Amino acid sequence: MNSAKILLLLTLFGLIFISAQDTRVKADSESSSTYMGDTCRSWNDAERLKNTPAIIVGRLQKFTPWEKGKGAGHMFWQYEIQLADSTSIPVVNTDKSDGESIPFDEYLNSDVMIYGTVYYGIIIGDSNPEHQSMTGYRIDAGGIDFLPGYEPQKSIDTCRIFSDLEANANKKIIASGKLQKYEPPRDGSKLGNDQVWDYVLEMPDGYILPILKTTANLEPESFINRNVFIFGFLKHGIIFGSENTANLVGYGLDPFEIKVNEKGNTAPFNEYKIKIDLSQFNDEGYRVYPNGEKSSAHYEFCIPAVDSLLAEVKAIDPEAAEMKGSKGRSGCSDKEWLVISSTRKPGFIDIIKRTAELKYIRKITETFWE
């Protein structure tokens, strides 16, 4: 590959070479000449670049078993990359000596660049004509990195109520609830009588979160009717059907790991609406620090833009003040009012808990003045 082409690719991606000490993406001269090839972003690119070193750009995700044909329902691979045209190709590590030289888990559900080869050939079975085999495409990865400009998720939120899901759409989360078998509604709705999902998670506030797909190593059957934590990717969008058919838009969880919640739901679900650590405050509403200093804070929430509901809030907390027309950090809609109050008052903890019991309040968060 000539130097002009390498320069063009570096300009296109805004790529900064990773040091030779980084084992995730090989940056020595040999690997650069091997993997700094053409860019694969679609199925057409894959066909054009078969058995050629390339930079494969897309979203890394857990492999989804095929529904039809050879190998249907089998988990042949752990990972796949979804290209820009929504097609997916299995991904494996070229260096199988240790099986861990590329930490794929750290890049799950992220926009990535894979330095590797677009392999085309026998991907299931072997060349013996008497054996079952399958010819197709596979990405043999030699290195991986986040796509330049992509911001990897830095923290994982624990979701216990519906408003937590709203704040974490299309992110990795830990979902808390009771894992159950899915039962079709059989009520003439879009879901009808079909077994659309195998499992659902009943969250502490009663919201039912569909489990979109599972992998063979999870064994969700052993967790049925148990309180669990599920680490996974929360999808928001079409979770049943497709754009041009009858479909259902909502939230669904792709699980990576399931663990038993030994303590269960230890707090009333209304208190999960409170996104402030109340253990930091005394009953007078002051946050107490280890050095003895203390300070108060403000908190906020949204309510429907209805005078009677505002009066209900103020009956609990006379100091609550509405800010009509302001969205705040809570992101109030055009049909809601932002309400702000201070922690500095006697009985603060009881007041904020009683406020959280109001059904129309989704969450209560701390206010940070700018």
Foldseek 3Di string as FASTA:
>chain_A
DDPVLLVVLCVVQVDDADDCVQLQQHRDPVLCVQFDDAEAQDPVSLVVQAQGWYKYWAAKAFDDAACDDPRHPHRPAGIWGQGPVRDIAAEAELPPVPRPSHPVVQRHRATKIFGFHFYWAWPADDDPPVDDTDTDTHTHGSHMDGRPPTDADDDEEEDQDDVVCVVAAQHKYKYKAAKAADAQPCPPDPSHRDSQAGIWGQGLVRDIAGALDEHPVAPCVVRHRFIKIFTFTKHFAFSADDDVDDTDTGIHTHGDYIDGPVVHPPDRVLCVQEPDDCVQADQQQWRADPVGDTDKFKKKWKAFPDPVVVVVLCVLPVQKDWDQPDCAPRRYDNRIIMIMGISRHHRSVVSVSVNSPPPRTRHMYTHDDD
